[in-house]
């Protein structure tokens, strides 16, 4: 019976360590997603500016950027 209890204890310990490691990885993934979201938003605004300058001309794009920037 000692062997079964020892195995159970070892398995529980390994599982607890595994959970802790996965929790740290998950936090890192969430931080990467948040940083990526901010970067993509900046890229999106730059693309809007490029599209506006191509469609309406550089002067309209400059006025539009001046309006958004302040």
PDB file of N, CA and C in Angstrom:
ATOM      1  N   UNK A   1       0.820  -1.190   0.000  1.00  0.00           N
ATOM      2  CA  UNK A   1       0.000   0.000   0.000  1.00  0.00           C
ATOM      3  C   UNK A   1       0.864   1.254   0.000  1.00  0.00           C
ATOM      4  N   UNK A   2       2.063   1.161   0.564  1.00  0.00           N
ATOM      5  CA  UNK A   2       2.944   2.320   0.566  1.00  0.00           C
ATOM      6  C   UNK A   2       3.300   2.748  -0.850  1.00  0.00           C
ATOM      7  N   UNK A   3       3.435   1.809  -1.723  1.00  0.00           N
ATOM      8  CA  UNK A   3       3.792   2.115  -3.100  1.00  0.00           C
ATOM      9  C   UNK A   3       2.698   2.916  -3.789  1.00  0.00           C
ATOM     10  N   UNK A   4       1.458   2.537  -3.566  1.00  0.00           N
ATOM     11  CA  UNK A   4       0.339   3.250  -4.173  1.00  0.00           C
ATOM     12  C   UNK A   4       0.251   4.667  -3.609  1.00  0.00           C
ATOM     13  N   UNK A   5       0.393   4.809  -2.310  1.00  0.00           N
ATOM     14  CA  UNK A   5       0.328   6.134  -1.689  1.00  0.00           C
ATOM     15  C   UNK A   5       1.496   7.004  -2.147  1.00  0.00           C
ATOM     16  N   UNK A   6       2.659   6.412  -2.309  1.00  0.00           N
ATOM     17  CA  UNK A   6       3.822   7.168  -2.784  1.00  0.00           C
ATOM     18  C   UNK A   6       3.609   7.637  -4.210  1.00  0.00           C
ATOM     19  N   UNK A   7       3.054   6.767  -5.032  1.00  0.00           N
ATOM     20  CA  UNK A   7       2.762   7.151  -6.424  1.00  0.00           C
ATOM     21  C   UNK A   7       1.716   8.258  -6.476  1.00  0.00           C
ATOM     22  N   UNK A   8       0.697   8.120  -5.639  1.00  0.00           N
ATOM     23  CA  UNK A   8      -0.358   9.136  -5.595  1.00  0.00           C
ATOM     24  C   UNK A   8       0.221  10.487  -5.166  1.00  0.00           C
ATOM     25  N   UNK A   9       1.062  10.469  -4.157  1.00  0.00           N
ATOM     26  CA  UNK A   9       1.691  11.709  -3.687  1.00  0.00           C
ATOM     27  C   UNK A   9       2.562  12.307  -4.780  1.00  0.00           C
ATOM     28  N   UNK A  10       3.347  11.493  -5.450  1.00  0.00           N
ATOM     29  CA  UNK A  10       4.233  11.975  -6.519  1.00  0.00           C
ATOM     30  C   UNK A  10       3.425  12.550  -7.685  1.00  0.00           C
ATOM     31  N   UNK A  11       2.351  11.881  -8.048  1.00  0.00           N
ATOM     32  CA  UNK A  11       1.494  12.359  -9.135  1.00  0.00           C
ATOM     33  C   UNK A  11       0.848  13.688  -8.773  1.00  0.00           C
ATOM     34  N   UNK A  12       0.362  13.797  -7.555  1.00  0.00           N
ATOM     35  CA  UNK A  12      -0.261  15.042  -7.109  1.00  0.00           C
ATOM     36  C   UNK A  12       0.751  16.187  -7.099  1.00  0.00           C
ATOM     37  N   UNK A  13       1.963  15.901  -6.656  1.00  0.00           N
ATOM     38  CA  UNK A  13       3.023  16.914  -6.635  1.00  0.00           C
ATOM     39  C   UNK A  13       3.367  17.358  -8.059  1.00  0.00           C
ATOM     40  N   UNK A  14       3.502  16.408  -8.967  1.00  0.00           N
ATOM     41  CA  UNK A  14       3.812  16.740 -10.366  1.00  0.00           C
ATOM     42  C   UNK A  14       2.695  17.566 -10.995  1.00  0.00           C
ATOM     43  N   UNK A  15       1.463  17.206 -10.688  1.00  0.00           N
ATOM     44  CA  UNK A  15       0.320  17.934 -11.232  1.00  0.00           C
ATOM     45  C   UNK A  15       0.285  19.372 -10.715  1.00  0.00           C
ATOM     46  N   UNK A  16       0.581  19.564  -9.453  1.00  0.00           N
ATOM     47  CA  UNK A  16       0.609  20.906  -8.868  1.00  0.00           C
ATOM     48  C   UNK A  16       1.689  21.758  -9.515  1.00  0.00           C
ATOM     49  N   UNK A  17       2.860  21.176  -9.729  1.00  0.00           N
ATOM     50  CA  UNK A  17       3.945  21.895 -10.407  1.00  0.00           C
ATOM     51  C   UNK A  17       3.535  22.240 -11.837  1.00  0.00           C
ATOM     52  N   UNK A  18       2.909  21.290 -12.512  1.00  0.00           N
ATOM     53  CA  UNK A  18       2.439  21.513 -13.881  1.00  0.00           C
ATOM     54  C   UNK A  18       1.432  22.664 -13.938  1.00  0.00           C
ATOM     55  N   UNK A  19       0.501  22.697 -13.014  1.00  0.00           N
ATOM     56  CA  UNK A  19      -0.484  23.781 -12.968  1.00  0.00           C
ATOM     57  C   UNK A  19       0.188  25.137 -12.778  1.00  0.00           C
ATOM     58  N   UNK A  20       1.174  25.200 -11.911  1.00  0.00           N
ATOM     59  CA  UNK A  20       1.873  26.464 -11.660  1.00  0.00           C
ATOM     60  C   UNK A  20       2.616  26.936 -12.910  1.00  0.00           C
ATOM     61  N   UNK A  21       3.275  26.020 -13.587  1.00  0.00           N
ATOM     62  CA  UNK A  21       4.001  26.384 -14.808  1.00  0.00           C
ATOM     63  C   UNK A  21       3.032  26.866 -15.876  1.00  0.00           C
ATOM     64  N   UNK A  22       1.926  26.171 -16.038  1.00  0.00           N
ATOM     65  CA  UNK A  22       0.934  26.571 -17.041  1.00  0.00           C
ATOM     66  C   UNK A  22       0.320  27.934 -16.718  1.00  0.00           C
ATOM     67  N   UNK A  23       0.114  28.230 -15.456  1.00  0.00           N
ATOM     68  CA  UNK A  23      -0.439  29.528 -15.066  1.00  0.00           C
ATOM     69  C   UNK A  23       0.527  30.649 -15.450  1.00  0.00           C
ATOM     70  N   UNK A  24       1.826  30.421 -15.250  1.00  0.00           N
ATOM     71  CA  UNK A  24       2.816  31.432 -15.647  1.00  0.00           C
ATOM     72  C   UNK A  24       2.832  31.610 -17.153  1.00  0.00           C
ATOM     73  N   UNK A  25       2.773  30.519 -17.881  1.00  0.00           N
ATOM     74  CA  UNK A  25       2.752  30.609 -19.351  1.00  0.00           C
ATOM     75  C   UNK A  25       1.515  31.359 -19.835  1.00  0.00           C
ATOM     76  N   UNK A  26       0.380  31.076 -19.215  1.00  0.00           N
ATOM     77  CA  UNK A  26      -0.867  31.724 -19.606  1.00  0.00           C
ATOM     78  C   UNK A  26      -0.785  33.235 -19.383  1.00  0.00           C
ATOM     79  N   UNK A  27      -0.185  33.657 -18.274  1.00  0.00           N
ATOM     80  CA  UNK A  27      -0.018  35.092 -18.024  1.00  0.00           C
ATOM     81  C   UNK A  27       0.857  35.725 -19.101  1.00  0.00           C
ATOM     82  N   UNK A  28       1.916  35.040 -19.483  1.00  0.00           N
ATOM     83  CA  UNK A  28       2.785  35.547 -20.540  1.00  0.00           C
ATOM     84  C   UNK A  28       2.064  35.664 -21.869  1.00  0.00           C
ATOM     85  N   UNK A  29       1.237  34.696 -22.168  1.00  0.00           N
ATOM     86  CA  UNK A  29       0.468  34.733 -23.418  1.00  0.00           C
ATOM     87  C   UNK A  29      -0.512  35.895 -23.399  1.00  0.00           C
ATOM     88  N   UNK A  30      -1.180  36.120 -22.281  1.00  0.00           N
ATOM     89  CA  UNK A  30      -2.131  37.225 -22.171  1.00  0.00           C
ATOM     90  C   UNK A  30      -1.426  38.565 -22.345  1.00  0.00           C
ATOM     91  N   UNK A  31      -0.253  38.728 -21.753  1.00  0.00           N
ATOM     92  CA  UNK A  31       0.509  39.973 -21.905  1.00  0.00           C
ATOM     93  C   UNK A  31       0.899  40.186 -23.361  1.00  0.00           C
ATOM     94  N   UNK A  32       1.303  39.124 -24.038  1.00  0.00           N
ATOM     95  CA  UNK A  32       1.676  39.225 -25.452  1.00  0.00           C
ATOM     96  C   UNK A  32       0.469  39.630 -26.295  1.00  0.00           C
ATOM     97  N   UNK A  33      -0.704  39.087 -25.992  1.00  0.00           N
ATOM     98  CA  UNK A  33      -1.915  39.470 -26.719  1.00  0.00           C
ATOM     99  C   UNK A  33      -2.238  40.949 -26.525  1.00  0.00           C
ATOM    100  N   UNK A  34      -2.096  41.432 -25.302  1.00  0.00           N
ATOM    101  CA  UNK A  34      -2.388  42.841 -25.031  1.00  0.00           C
ATOM    102  C   UNK A  34      -1.426  43.755 -25.782  1.00  0.00           C
ATOM    103  N   UNK A  35      -0.143  43.419 -25.782  1.00  0.00           N
ATOM    104  CA  UNK A  35       0.836  44.207 -26.530  1.00  0.00           C
ATOM    105  C   UNK A  35       0.546  44.151 -28.022  1.00  0.00           C
ATOM    106  N   UNK A  36       0.194  42.981 -28.506  1.00  0.00           N
ATOM    107  CA  UNK A  36      -0.126  42.812 -29.920  1.00  0.00           C
ATOM    108  C   UNK A  36      -1.350  43.606 -30.326  1.00  0.00           C
ATOM    109  N   UNK A  37      -2.328  43.678 -29.456  1.00  0.00           N
ATOM    110  CA  UNK A  37      -3.533  44.449 -29.749  1.00  0.00           C
ATOM    111  C   UNK A  37      -3.205  45.929 -29.911  1.00  0.00           C
ATOM    112  N   UNK A  38      -2.358  46.444 -29.044  1.00  0.00           N
ATOM    113  CA  UNK A  38      -1.964  47.857 -29.135  1.00  0.00           C
ATOM    114  C   UNK A  38      -1.200  48.115 -30.427  1.00  0.00           C
ATOM    115  N   UNK A  39      -0.295  47.204 -30.785  1.00  0.00           N
ATOM    116  CA  UNK A  39       0.470  47.370 -32.020  1.00  0.00           C
ATOM    117  C   UNK A  39      -0.450  47.337 -33.234  1.00  0.00           C
ATOM    118  N   UNK A  40      -1.386  46.409 -33.246  1.00  0.00           N
ATOM    119  CA  UNK A  40      -2.298  46.288 -34.386  1.00  0.00           C
ATOM    120  C   UNK A  40      -3.179  47.515 -34.514  1.00  0.00           C
ATOM    121  N   UNK A  41      -3.554  48.119 -33.410  1.00  0.00           N
ATOM    122  CA  UNK A  41      -4.374  49.325 -33.457  1.00  0.00           C
ATOM    123  C   UNK A  41      -3.586  50.469 -34.096  1.00  0.00           C
ATOM    124  N   UNK A  42      -2.310  50.605 -33.745  1.00  0.00           N
ATOM    125  CA  UNK A  42      -1.470  51.633 -34.356  1.00  0.00           C
ATOM    126  C   UNK A  42      -1.329  51.391 -35.853  1.00  0.00           C
ATOM    127  N   UNK A  43      -1.110  50.142 -36.230  1.00  0.00           N
ATOM    128  CA  UNK A  43      -0.978  49.808 -37.648  1.00  0.00           C
ATOM    129  C   UNK A  43      -2.276  50.111 -38.382  1.00  0.00           C
ATOM    130  N   UNK A  44      -3.386  49.842 -37.753  1.00  0.00           N
ATOM    131  CA  UNK A  44      -4.692  50.113 -38.361  1.00  0.00           C
ATOM    132  C   UNK A  44      -4.853  51.607 -38.655  1.00  0.00           C
ATOM    133  N   UNK A  45      -4.487  52.450 -37.701  1.00  0.00           N
ATOM    134  CA  UNK A  45      -4.591  53.897 -37.915  1.00  0.00           C
ATOM    135  C   UNK A  45      -3.667  54.360 -39.032  1.00  0.00           C
ATOM    136  N   UNK A  46      -2.477  53.786 -39.094  1.00  0.00           N
ATOM    137  CA  UNK A  46      -1.560  54.145 -40.175  1.00  0.00           C
ATOM    138  C   UNK A  46      -2.132  53.737 -41.533  1.00  0.00           C
ATOM    139  N   UNK A  47      -2.753  52.578 -41.587  1.00  0.00           N
ATOM    140  CA  UNK A  47      -3.369  52.144 -42.846  1.00  0.00           C
ATOM    141  C   UNK A  47      -4.517  53.060 -43.258  1.00  0.00           C
ATOM    142  N   UNK A  48      -5.302  53.518 -42.298  1.00  0.00           N
ATOM    143  CA  UNK A  48      -6.369  54.464 -42.625  1.00  0.00           C
ATOM    144  C   UNK A  48      -5.796  55.754 -43.216  1.00  0.00           C
ATOM    145  N   UNK A  49      -4.696  56.213 -42.658  1.00  0.00           N
ATOM    146  CA  UNK A  49      -4.069  57.429 -43.168  1.00  0.00           C
ATOM    147  C   UNK A  49      -3.556  57.221 -44.585  1.00  0.00           C
ATOM    148  N   UNK A  50      -2.962  56.081 -44.846  1.00  0.00           N
ATOM    149  CA  UNK A  50      -2.456  55.790 -46.191  1.00  0.00           C
ATOM    150  C   UNK A  50      -3.610  55.685 -47.181  1.00  0.00           C
ATOM    151  N   UNK A  51      -4.667  55.011 -46.788  1.00  0.00           N
ATOM    152  CA  UNK A  51      -5.835  54.886 -47.670  1.00  0.00           C
ATOM    153  C   UNK A  51      -6.432  56.255 -47.964  1.00  0.00           C
ATOM    154  N   UNK A  52      -6.549  57.096 -46.949  1.00  0.00           N
ATOM    155  CA  UNK A  52      -7.104  58.437 -47.153  1.00  0.00           C
ATOM    156  C   UNK A  52      -6.213  59.251 -48.080  1.00  0.00           C
ATOM    157  N   UNK A  53      -4.905  59.142 -47.936  1.00  0.00           N
ATOM    158  CA  UNK A  53      -4.018  59.920 -48.798  1.00  0.00           C
ATOM    159  C   UNK A  53      -4.065  59.424 -50.236  1.00  0.00           C
ATOM    160  N   UNK A  54      -4.259  58.126 -50.427  1.00  0.00           N
ATOM    161  CA  UNK A  54      -4.344  57.592 -51.786  1.00  0.00           C
ATOM    162  C   UNK A  54      -5.671  57.980 -52.426  1.00  0.00           C
ATOM    163  N   UNK A  55      -6.741  57.886 -51.674  1.00  0.00           N
ATOM    164  CA  UNK A  55      -8.057  58.163 -52.242  1.00  0.00           C
ATOM    165  C   UNK A  55      -8.340  59.658 -52.411  1.00  0.00           C
ATOM    166  N   UNK A  56      -7.984  60.453 -51.429  1.00  0.00           N
ATOM    167  CA  UNK A  56      -8.379  61.857 -51.432  1.00  0.00           C
ATOM    168  C   UNK A  56      -7.225  62.828 -51.653  1.00  0.00           C
ATOM    169  N   UNK A  57      -6.024  62.339 -51.664  1.00  0.00           N
ATOM    170  CA  UNK A  57      -4.879  63.207 -51.876  1.00  0.00           C
ATOM    171  C   UNK A  57      -4.171  63.524 -50.569  1.00  0.00           C
ATOM    172  N   UNK A  58      -2.914  63.921 -50.669  1.00  0.00           N
ATOM    173  CA  UNK A  58      -2.110  64.177 -49.471  1.00  0.00           C
ATOM    174  C   UNK A  58      -2.637  65.323 -48.601  1.00  0.00           C
ATOM    175  N   UNK A  59      -3.208  66.356 -49.205  1.00  0.00           N
ATOM    176  CA  UNK A  59      -3.663  67.485 -48.394  1.00  0.00           C
ATOM    177  C   UNK A  59      -4.836  67.090 -47.501  1.00  0.00           C
ATOM    178  N   UNK A  60      -5.760  66.284 -48.018  1.00  0.00           N
ATOM    179  CA  UNK A  60      -6.881  65.825 -47.204  1.00  0.00           C
ATOM    180  C   UNK A  60      -6.394  64.922 -46.077  1.00  0.00           C
ATOM    181  N   UNK A  61      -5.428  64.058 -46.389  1.00  0.00           N
ATOM    182  CA  UNK A  61      -4.885  63.167 -45.363  1.00  0.00           C
ATOM    183  C   UNK A  61      -4.203  63.975 -44.262  1.00  0.00           C
ATOM    184  N   UNK A  62      -3.506  65.035 -44.641  1.00  0.00           N
ATOM    185  CA  UNK A  62      -2.846  65.876 -43.640  1.00  0.00           C
ATOM    186  C   UNK A  62      -3.885  66.551 -42.743  1.00  0.00           C
ATOM    187  N   UNK A  63      -4.962  67.041 -43.321  1.00  0.00           N
ATOM    188  CA  UNK A  63      -6.026  67.653 -42.531  1.00  0.00           C
ATOM    189  C   UNK A  63      -6.684  66.628 -41.605  1.00  0.00           C
ATOM    190  N   UNK A  64      -6.866  65.428 -42.109  1.00  0.00           N
ATOM    191  CA  UNK A  64      -7.479  64.373 -41.310  1.00  0.00           C
ATOM    192  C   UNK A  64      -6.587  64.003 -40.126  1.00  0.00           C
ATOM    193  N   UNK A  65      -5.302  63.861 -40.367  1.00  0.00           N
ATOM    194  CA  UNK A  65      -4.380  63.552 -39.286  1.00  0.00           C
ATOM    195  C   UNK A  65      -4.304  64.683 -38.283  1.00  0.00           C
ATOM    196  N   UNK A  66      -4.332  65.927 -38.770  1.00  0.00           N
ATOM    197  CA  UNK A  66      -4.308  67.076 -37.874  1.00  0.00           C
ATOM    198  C   UNK A  66      -5.554  67.062 -36.975  1.00  0.00           C
ATOM    199  N   UNK A  67      -6.679  66.667 -37.551  1.00  0.00           N
ATOM    200  CA  UNK A  67      -7.925  66.602 -36.790  1.00  0.00           C
ATOM    201  C   UNK A  67      -7.841  65.542 -35.694  1.00  0.00           C
ATOM    202  N   UNK A  68      -7.305  64.362 -36.010  1.00  0.00           N
ATOM    203  CA  UNK A  68      -7.218  63.273 -35.029  1.00  0.00           C
ATOM    204  C   UNK A  68      -6.160  63.528 -33.985  1.00  0.00           C
ATOM    205  N   UNK A  69      -5.031  64.093 -34.390  1.00  0.00           N
ATOM    206  CA  UNK A  69      -3.936  64.334 -33.448  1.00  0.00           C
ATOM    207  C   UNK A  69      -4.261  65.533 -32.561  1.00  0.00           C
ATOM    208  N   UNK A  70      -4.882  66.508 -33.131  1.00  0.00           N
ATOM    209  CA  UNK A  70      -5.300  67.645 -32.310  1.00  0.00           C
ATOM    210  C   UNK A  70      -4.615  68.845 -32.698  1.00  0.00           C
TER     211      UNK A  70
END
